[in-house]
Amino acid sequence: MPAAFLVILVLAVVGLIALGSAFERKRSSKWEAVASRNGFQFLPSGPPPPYSFHLLSKGHARRNRNIMSWDGGGYRITLSDYAYTISSGRSSTTYRQTICLLEDPKVMIPPFSLRREHGILDRIGGSLGMQDIDFPEDETFSKSFVLKGNETGVRECFGADLRVFLVGAKGMFSTLEGRENAVLVNFGRMIDPDRYGEYAGLGMELFARFRSACASSWNVPFAGR
């Protein structure tokens, strides 16, 4: 019985690995087909984006796959499936999400990070002095997100138009980070390649607002999380 159980366990593990590999191949083929139809560049895998975003520093075994990029008219747009693993003792969890990187060498984004507010825990953190840039004139935005960064530069870039847009789109993304000449949108999940336009469009609309609002003089280091 123990030997039979071991055989079944091994076969189950092999089967799961095979299913995972088949899923990855199918997903990669779909991304490549989307890129081909639209004349975009495609790479099956490559290094993570070369920026010190918090998301890209998490965990280990970081992987960047299904990299599709194109020129948005003066700036670069890149969609990819990014994954990392966090281990604790004998257990580990791998987090997979599609990300959108938008880059324009002609702009300088003030370092910032933004995520959805987690209710009472974040309110307690705020009362203890943890940074969260609020806008007294925009209670809806302030209650929806935790925003950190260089306060002067961030306030200049996060104008009313951008804040309203972010509140309306908060269900579509998990985190948003910016620094130097780039913004990184983390959708918090693997998106369907056939819906790439919907998510890329979100990133492009966001970036258009940053490009028009951010002054090139903001280049202040920020190590917040």
C-alpha atoms as a PDB file:
ATOM      1  CA  MET A   1       0.000   0.000   0.000  1.00  0.00           C
ATOM      2  CA  PRO A   2       2.701   2.584   0.827  1.00  0.00           C
ATOM      3  CA  ALA A   3       4.436   1.840  -2.489  1.00  0.00           C
ATOM      4  CA  ALA A   4       1.166   2.134  -4.423  1.00  0.00           C
ATOM      5  CA  PHE A   5       0.367   5.423  -2.697  1.00  0.00           C
ATOM      6  CA  LEU A   6       3.835   6.764  -3.554  1.00  0.00           C
ATOM      7  CA  VAL A   7       3.345   5.850  -7.220  1.00  0.00           C
ATOM      8  CA  ILE A   8      -0.034   7.611  -7.291  1.00  0.00           C
ATOM      9  CA  LEU A   9       1.467  10.678  -5.622  1.00  0.00           C
ATOM     10  CA  VAL A  10       4.322  10.846  -8.124  1.00  0.00           C
ATOM     11  CA  LEU A  11       1.928  10.467 -11.048  1.00  0.00           C
ATOM     12  CA  ALA A  12      -0.287  13.212  -9.647  1.00  0.00           C
ATOM     13  CA  VAL A  13       2.668  15.581  -9.288  1.00  0.00           C
ATOM     14  CA  VAL A  14       3.875  14.802 -12.808  1.00  0.00           C
ATOM     15  CA  GLY A  15       0.355  15.368 -14.119  1.00  0.00           C
ATOM     16  CA  LEU A  16       0.090  18.746 -12.410  1.00  0.00           C
ATOM     17  CA  ILE A  17       3.456  19.809 -13.807  1.00  0.00           C
ATOM     18  CA  ALA A  18       2.372  18.724 -17.294  1.00  0.00           C
ATOM     19  CA  LEU A  19      -0.902  20.641 -16.990  1.00  0.00           C
ATOM     20  CA  GLY A  20       0.959  23.737 -15.805  1.00  0.00           C
ATOM     21  CA  SER A  21       3.384  23.529 -18.716  1.00  0.00           C
ATOM     22  CA  ALA A  22       0.534  23.099 -21.187  1.00  0.00           C
ATOM     23  CA  PHE A  23      -1.225  26.142 -19.719  1.00  0.00           C
ATOM     24  CA  GLU A  24       1.952  28.229 -20.002  1.00  0.00           C
ATOM     25  CA  ARG A  25       2.473  27.187 -23.637  1.00  0.00           C
ATOM     26  CA  LYS A  26      -1.127  27.963 -24.541  1.00  0.00           C
ATOM     27  CA  ARG A  27      -1.009  31.339 -22.821  1.00  0.00           C
ATOM     28  CA  SER A  28       2.292  32.228 -24.477  1.00  0.00           C
ATOM     29  CA  SER A  29       0.856  31.281 -27.882  1.00  0.00           C
ATOM     30  CA  LYS A  30      -2.135  33.549 -27.308  1.00  0.00           C
ATOM     31  CA  TRP A  31       0.104  36.487 -26.362  1.00  0.00           C
ATOM     32  CA  GLU A  32       2.306  35.885 -29.394  1.00  0.00           C
ATOM     33  CA  ALA A  33      -0.761  35.783 -31.657  1.00  0.00           C
ATOM     34  CA  VAL A  34      -1.987  39.107 -30.240  1.00  0.00           C
ATOM     35  CA  ALA A  35       1.441  40.655 -30.829  1.00  0.00           C
ATOM     36  CA  SER A  36       1.569  39.301 -34.387  1.00  0.00           C
ATOM     37  CA  ARG A  37      -1.896  40.631 -35.282  1.00  0.00           C
ATOM     38  CA  ASN A  38      -0.999  44.102 -34.062  1.00  0.00           C
ATOM     39  CA  GLY A  39       2.598  44.334 -35.229  1.00  0.00           C
ATOM     40  CA  PHE A  40       3.950  44.445 -31.659  1.00  0.00           C
ATOM     41  CA  GLN A  41       7.271  43.059 -30.467  1.00  0.00           C
ATOM     42  CA  PHE A  42       7.086  39.795 -28.519  1.00  0.00           C
ATOM     43  CA  LEU A  43       9.542  37.883 -26.349  1.00  0.00           C
ATOM     44  CA  PRO A  44       8.643  34.613 -24.579  1.00  0.00           C
ATOM     45  CA  SER A  45      10.755  35.671 -21.587  1.00  0.00           C
ATOM     46  CA  GLY A  46      13.236  38.274 -20.462  1.00  0.00           C
ATOM     47  CA  PRO A  47      14.591  40.165 -17.442  1.00  0.00           C
ATOM     48  CA  PRO A  48      12.259  42.188 -15.208  1.00  0.00           C
ATOM     49  CA  PRO A  49      12.033  45.930 -15.957  1.00  0.00           C
ATOM     50  CA  PRO A  50      15.234  47.755 -14.882  1.00  0.00           C
ATOM     51  CA  TYR A  51      13.597  49.954 -12.241  1.00  0.00           C
ATOM     52  CA  SER A  52      13.652  49.810  -8.448  1.00  0.00           C
ATOM     53  CA  PHE A  53       9.908  49.380  -8.052  1.00  0.00           C
ATOM     54  CA  HIS A  54       8.789  47.711  -4.842  1.00  0.00           C
ATOM     55  CA  LEU A  55       6.873  44.996  -6.722  1.00  0.00           C
ATOM     56  CA  LEU A  56      10.025  43.972  -8.569  1.00  0.00           C
ATOM     57  CA  SER A  57      11.983  43.552  -5.320  1.00  0.00           C
ATOM     58  CA  LYS A  58       9.566  41.106  -3.697  1.00  0.00           C
ATOM     59  CA  GLY A  59      10.408  37.462  -3.072  1.00  0.00           C
ATOM     60  CA  HIS A  60      12.717  35.344  -5.192  1.00  0.00           C
ATOM     61  CA  ALA A  61      12.581  33.211  -8.359  1.00  0.00           C
ATOM     62  CA  ARG A  62      11.366  36.280 -10.252  1.00  0.00           C
ATOM     63  CA  ARG A  63      10.186  35.596 -13.778  1.00  0.00           C
ATOM     64  CA  ASN A  64       9.051  37.900 -16.574  1.00  0.00           C
ATOM     65  CA  ARG A  65       7.272  36.155 -19.449  1.00  0.00           C
ATOM     66  CA  ASN A  66       5.124  36.878 -22.485  1.00  0.00           C
ATOM     67  CA  ILE A  67       6.639  40.317 -22.976  1.00  0.00           C
ATOM     68  CA  MET A  68       4.714  42.360 -25.541  1.00  0.00           C
ATOM     69  CA  SER A  69       5.771  45.933 -26.300  1.00  0.00           C
ATOM     70  CA  TRP A  70       5.034  48.710 -28.739  1.00  0.00           C
ATOM     71  CA  ASP A  71       5.421  52.442 -29.348  1.00  0.00           C
ATOM     72  CA  GLY A  72       2.520  54.509 -28.044  1.00  0.00           C
ATOM     73  CA  GLY A  73       3.517  57.669 -29.879  1.00  0.00           C
ATOM     74  CA  GLY A  74       6.485  59.133 -28.051  1.00  0.00           C
ATOM     75  CA  TYR A  75       6.547  56.581 -25.249  1.00  0.00           C
ATOM     76  CA  ARG A  76       6.943  52.832 -24.771  1.00  0.00           C
ATOM     77  CA  ILE A  77       4.282  50.406 -23.514  1.00  0.00           C
ATOM     78  CA  THR A  78       5.155  46.904 -22.314  1.00  0.00           C
ATOM     79  CA  LEU A  79       2.749  44.245 -21.047  1.00  0.00           C
ATOM     80  CA  SER A  80       4.101  41.076 -19.452  1.00  0.00           C
ATOM     81  CA  ASP A  81       3.299  38.267 -17.022  1.00  0.00           C
ATOM     82  CA  TYR A  82       5.439  38.793 -13.927  1.00  0.00           C
ATOM     83  CA  ALA A  83       5.794  36.225 -11.132  1.00  0.00           C
ATOM     84  CA  TYR A  84       7.725  35.901  -7.902  1.00  0.00           C
ATOM     85  CA  THR A  85       7.814  33.413  -5.033  1.00  0.00           C
ATOM     86  CA  ILE A  86       7.736  34.074  -1.301  1.00  0.00           C
ATOM     87  CA  SER A  87       8.904  31.264   0.975  1.00  0.00           C
ATOM     88  CA  SER A  88       8.250  30.811   4.672  1.00  0.00           C
ATOM     89  CA  GLY A  89       9.709  27.744   6.330  1.00  0.00           C
ATOM     90  CA  ARG A  90       8.776  24.708   4.232  1.00  0.00           C
ATOM     91  CA  SER A  91       5.957  26.423   2.380  1.00  0.00           C
ATOM     92  CA  SER A  92       6.080  28.826  -0.525  1.00  0.00           C
ATOM     93  CA  THR A  93       3.583  30.832  -2.524  1.00  0.00           C
ATOM     94  CA  THR A  94       4.020  32.081  -6.069  1.00  0.00           C
ATOM     95  CA  TYR A  95       2.275  35.298  -7.056  1.00  0.00           C
ATOM     96  CA  ARG A  96       1.481  35.822 -10.723  1.00  0.00           C
ATOM     97  CA  GLN A  97       0.193  39.020 -12.253  1.00  0.00           C
ATOM     98  CA  THR A  98       0.176  40.910 -15.520  1.00  0.00           C
ATOM     99  CA  ILE A  99       1.945  44.252 -15.373  1.00  0.00           C
ATOM    100  CA  CYS A 100       2.079  47.264 -17.662  1.00  0.00           C
ATOM    101  CA  LEU A 101       5.224  49.393 -17.861  1.00  0.00           C
ATOM    102  CA  LEU A 102       5.007  52.822 -19.497  1.00  0.00           C
ATOM    103  CA  GLU A 103       8.206  54.761 -20.244  1.00  0.00           C
ATOM    104  CA  ASP A 104       8.938  58.189 -21.649  1.00  0.00           C
ATOM    105  CA  PRO A 105      12.504  59.561 -21.464  1.00  0.00           C
ATOM    106  CA  LYS A 106      11.159  63.117 -21.752  1.00  0.00           C
ATOM    107  CA  VAL A 107       9.313  63.106 -18.416  1.00  0.00           C
ATOM    108  CA  MET A 108      10.440  62.735 -14.815  1.00  0.00           C
ATOM    109  CA  ILE A 109       7.981  61.071 -12.449  1.00  0.00           C
ATOM    110  CA  PRO A 110       8.255  61.869  -8.725  1.00  0.00           C
ATOM    111  CA  PRO A 111       8.890  58.627  -6.811  1.00  0.00           C
ATOM    112  CA  PHE A 112       5.591  57.302  -5.452  1.00  0.00           C
ATOM    113  CA  SER A 113       3.649  54.162  -4.642  1.00  0.00           C
ATOM    114  CA  LEU A 114      -0.112  53.810  -4.521  1.00  0.00           C
ATOM    115  CA  ARG A 115      -2.383  50.954  -3.455  1.00  0.00           C
ATOM    116  CA  ARG A 116      -5.971  50.497  -2.375  1.00  0.00           C
ATOM    117  CA  GLU A 117      -6.627  51.322   1.271  1.00  0.00           C
ATOM    118  CA  HIS A 118      -7.331  48.354   3.556  1.00  0.00           C
ATOM    119  CA  GLY A 119      -9.896  49.877   5.869  1.00  0.00           C
ATOM    120  CA  ILE A 120      -9.248  50.052   9.572  1.00  0.00           C
ATOM    121  CA  LEU A 121      -5.688  48.695   9.403  1.00  0.00           C
ATOM    122  CA  ASP A 122      -4.537  51.599   7.260  1.00  0.00           C
ATOM    123  CA  ARG A 123      -6.465  54.098   9.351  1.00  0.00           C
ATOM    124  CA  ILE A 124      -4.662  52.789  12.441  1.00  0.00           C
ATOM    125  CA  GLY A 125      -1.355  53.058  10.582  1.00  0.00           C
ATOM    126  CA  GLY A 126      -2.151  56.648   9.677  1.00  0.00           C
ATOM    127  CA  SER A 127      -2.873  57.486  13.308  1.00  0.00           C
ATOM    128  CA  LEU A 128       0.524  56.028  14.218  1.00  0.00           C
ATOM    129  CA  GLY A 129       2.298  58.322  11.813  1.00  0.00           C
ATOM    130  CA  MET A 130       2.728  56.044   8.787  1.00  0.00           C
ATOM    131  CA  GLN A 131       2.859  58.073   5.597  1.00  0.00           C
ATOM    132  CA  ASP A 132      -0.302  58.432   3.548  1.00  0.00           C
ATOM    133  CA  ILE A 133      -0.597  61.551   1.421  1.00  0.00           C
ATOM    134  CA  ASP A 134      -4.195  62.744   1.686  1.00  0.00           C
ATOM    135  CA  PHE A 135      -6.030  65.474  -0.200  1.00  0.00           C
ATOM    136  CA  PRO A 136      -8.403  67.345   2.152  1.00  0.00           C
ATOM    137  CA  GLU A 137     -10.386  68.538  -0.854  1.00  0.00           C
ATOM    138  CA  ASP A 138     -10.851  64.963  -2.153  1.00  0.00           C
ATOM    139  CA  GLU A 139     -12.128  62.719   0.625  1.00  0.00           C
ATOM    140  CA  THR A 140     -13.181  59.967  -1.810  1.00  0.00           C
ATOM    141  CA  PHE A 141      -9.657  59.564  -3.176  1.00  0.00           C
ATOM    142  CA  SER A 142      -8.043  59.845   0.256  1.00  0.00           C
ATOM    143  CA  LYS A 143     -10.255  57.087   1.645  1.00  0.00           C
ATOM    144  CA  SER A 144      -9.712  54.859  -1.390  1.00  0.00           C
ATOM    145  CA  PHE A 145      -5.911  54.757  -1.565  1.00  0.00           C
ATOM    146  CA  VAL A 146      -2.693  54.807   0.423  1.00  0.00           C
ATOM    147  CA  LEU A 147      -0.296  57.123  -1.410  1.00  0.00           C
ATOM    148  CA  LYS A 148       3.362  57.501  -0.453  1.00  0.00           C
ATOM    149  CA  GLY A 149       6.274  59.378  -1.917  1.00  0.00           C
ATOM    150  CA  ASN A 150       7.903  62.776  -2.194  1.00  0.00           C
ATOM    151  CA  GLU A 151       4.940  64.839  -1.010  1.00  0.00           C
ATOM    152  CA  THR A 152       5.567  68.045  -2.941  1.00  0.00           C
ATOM    153  CA  GLY A 153       6.139  66.290  -6.255  1.00  0.00           C
ATOM    154  CA  VAL A 154       3.284  63.845  -5.723  1.00  0.00           C
ATOM    155  CA  ARG A 155       0.780  66.589  -4.937  1.00  0.00           C
ATOM    156  CA  GLU A 156       1.803  68.401  -8.110  1.00  0.00           C
ATOM    157  CA  CYS A 157       1.247  65.317 -10.272  1.00  0.00           C
ATOM    158  CA  PHE A 158      -1.870  63.927  -8.598  1.00  0.00           C
ATOM    159  CA  GLY A 159      -4.253  66.594  -9.780  1.00  0.00           C
ATOM    160  CA  ALA A 160      -8.044  66.400  -9.610  1.00  0.00           C
ATOM    161  CA  ASP A 161      -8.362  64.813 -13.074  1.00  0.00           C
ATOM    162  CA  LEU A 162      -5.959  61.980 -12.222  1.00  0.00           C
ATOM    163  CA  ARG A 163      -7.529  61.388  -8.815  1.00  0.00           C
ATOM    164  CA  VAL A 164     -11.022  61.082 -10.288  1.00  0.00           C
ATOM    165  CA  PHE A 165      -9.742  58.679 -12.939  1.00  0.00           C
ATOM    166  CA  LEU A 166      -7.993  56.491 -10.358  1.00  0.00           C
ATOM    167  CA  VAL A 167     -11.094  56.242  -8.162  1.00  0.00           C
ATOM    168  CA  GLY A 168     -13.144  55.162 -11.162  1.00  0.00           C
ATOM    169  CA  ALA A 169     -10.569  52.559 -12.217  1.00  0.00           C
ATOM    170  CA  LYS A 170      -9.545  51.204  -8.802  1.00  0.00           C
ATOM    171  CA  GLY A 171     -11.163  47.829  -9.432  1.00  0.00           C
ATOM    172  CA  MET A 172      -8.906  47.193 -12.435  1.00  0.00           C
ATOM    173  CA  PHE A 173      -5.496  47.430 -10.786  1.00  0.00           C
ATOM    174  CA  SER A 174      -3.798  46.435  -7.545  1.00  0.00           C
ATOM    175  CA  THR A 175      -0.854  48.828  -7.213  1.00  0.00           C
ATOM    176  CA  LEU A 176       0.651  51.737  -9.085  1.00  0.00           C
ATOM    177  CA  GLU A 177       4.269  52.888  -8.837  1.00  0.00           C
ATOM    178  CA  GLY A 178       6.276  55.614 -10.485  1.00  0.00           C
ATOM    179  CA  ARG A 179       9.827  56.934 -10.571  1.00  0.00           C
ATOM    180  CA  GLU A 180      12.306  58.365 -13.040  1.00  0.00           C
ATOM    181  CA  ASN A 181      10.658  58.216 -16.474  1.00  0.00           C
ATOM    182  CA  ALA A 182       8.352  55.253 -15.883  1.00  0.00           C
ATOM    183  CA  VAL A 183       5.071  54.158 -14.331  1.00  0.00           C
ATOM    184  CA  LEU A 184       4.311  50.530 -13.445  1.00  0.00           C
ATOM    185  CA  VAL A 185       0.711  49.311 -13.249  1.00  0.00           C
ATOM    186  CA  ASN A 186       0.157  46.005 -11.447  1.00  0.00           C
ATOM    187  CA  PHE A 187      -3.214  44.508 -12.370  1.00  0.00           C
ATOM    188  CA  GLY A 188      -2.983  42.051  -9.477  1.00  0.00           C
ATOM    189  CA  ARG A 189      -3.956  39.060 -11.612  1.00  0.00           C
ATOM    190  CA  MET A 190      -3.204  37.385 -14.918  1.00  0.00           C
ATOM    191  CA  ILE A 191      -5.309  39.096 -17.559  1.00  0.00           C
ATOM    192  CA  ASP A 192      -6.829  37.454 -20.622  1.00  0.00           C
ATOM    193  CA  PRO A 193      -4.613  38.228 -23.645  1.00  0.00           C
ATOM    194  CA  ASP A 194      -7.734  38.897 -25.717  1.00  0.00           C
ATOM    195  CA  ARG A 195      -8.574  41.759 -23.316  1.00  0.00           C
ATOM    196  CA  TYR A 196      -5.133  43.330 -23.514  1.00  0.00           C
ATOM    197  CA  GLY A 197      -6.519  46.506 -25.096  1.00  0.00           C
ATOM    198  CA  GLU A 198      -8.766  47.215 -22.126  1.00  0.00           C
ATOM    199  CA  TYR A 199      -5.894  47.001 -19.649  1.00  0.00           C
ATOM    200  CA  ALA A 200      -3.271  48.637 -21.846  1.00  0.00           C
ATOM    201  CA  GLY A 201      -5.774  51.433 -22.456  1.00  0.00           C
ATOM    202  CA  LEU A 202      -6.046  51.971 -18.715  1.00  0.00           C
ATOM    203  CA  GLY A 203      -2.273  52.278 -18.435  1.00  0.00           C
ATOM    204  CA  MET A 204      -2.085  54.640 -21.401  1.00  0.00           C
ATOM    205  CA  GLU A 205      -4.809  56.916 -20.023  1.00  0.00           C
ATOM    206  CA  LEU A 206      -3.046  57.014 -16.666  1.00  0.00           C
ATOM    207  CA  PHE A 207       0.297  57.777 -18.250  1.00  0.00           C
ATOM    208  CA  ALA A 208      -1.166  60.546 -20.412  1.00  0.00           C
ATOM    209  CA  ARG A 209      -2.229  62.307 -17.227  1.00  0.00           C
ATOM    210  CA  PHE A 210       1.196  61.858 -15.638  1.00  0.00           C
ATOM    211  CA  ARG A 211       2.955  63.122 -18.752  1.00  0.00           C
ATOM    212  CA  SER A 212       0.914  66.313 -18.779  1.00  0.00           C
ATOM    213  CA  ALA A 213       1.098  66.949 -15.028  1.00  0.00           C
ATOM    214  CA  CYS A 214       4.572  65.930 -13.858  1.00  0.00           C
ATOM    215  CA  ALA A 215       7.316  68.540 -13.944  1.00  0.00           C
ATOM    216  CA  SER A 216      10.742  67.345 -15.073  1.00  0.00           C
ATOM    217  CA  SER A 217      12.384  68.831 -11.975  1.00  0.00           C
ATOM    218  CA  TRP A 218      11.170  66.110  -9.599  1.00  0.00           C
ATOM    219  CA  ASN A 219      13.889  63.562  -9.067  1.00  0.00           C
ATOM    220  CA  VAL A 220      13.922  63.096  -5.286  1.00  0.00           C
ATOM    221  CA  PRO A 221      14.937  59.660  -3.926  1.00  0.00           C
ATOM    222  CA  PHE A 222      12.153  57.770  -2.184  1.00  0.00           C
ATOM    223  CA  ALA A 223      12.460  54.478  -0.333  1.00  0.00           C
ATOM    224  CA  GLY A 224       8.897  54.240   1.004  1.00  0.00           C
ATOM    225  CA  ARG A 225       6.761  51.132   0.867  1.00  0.00           C
END
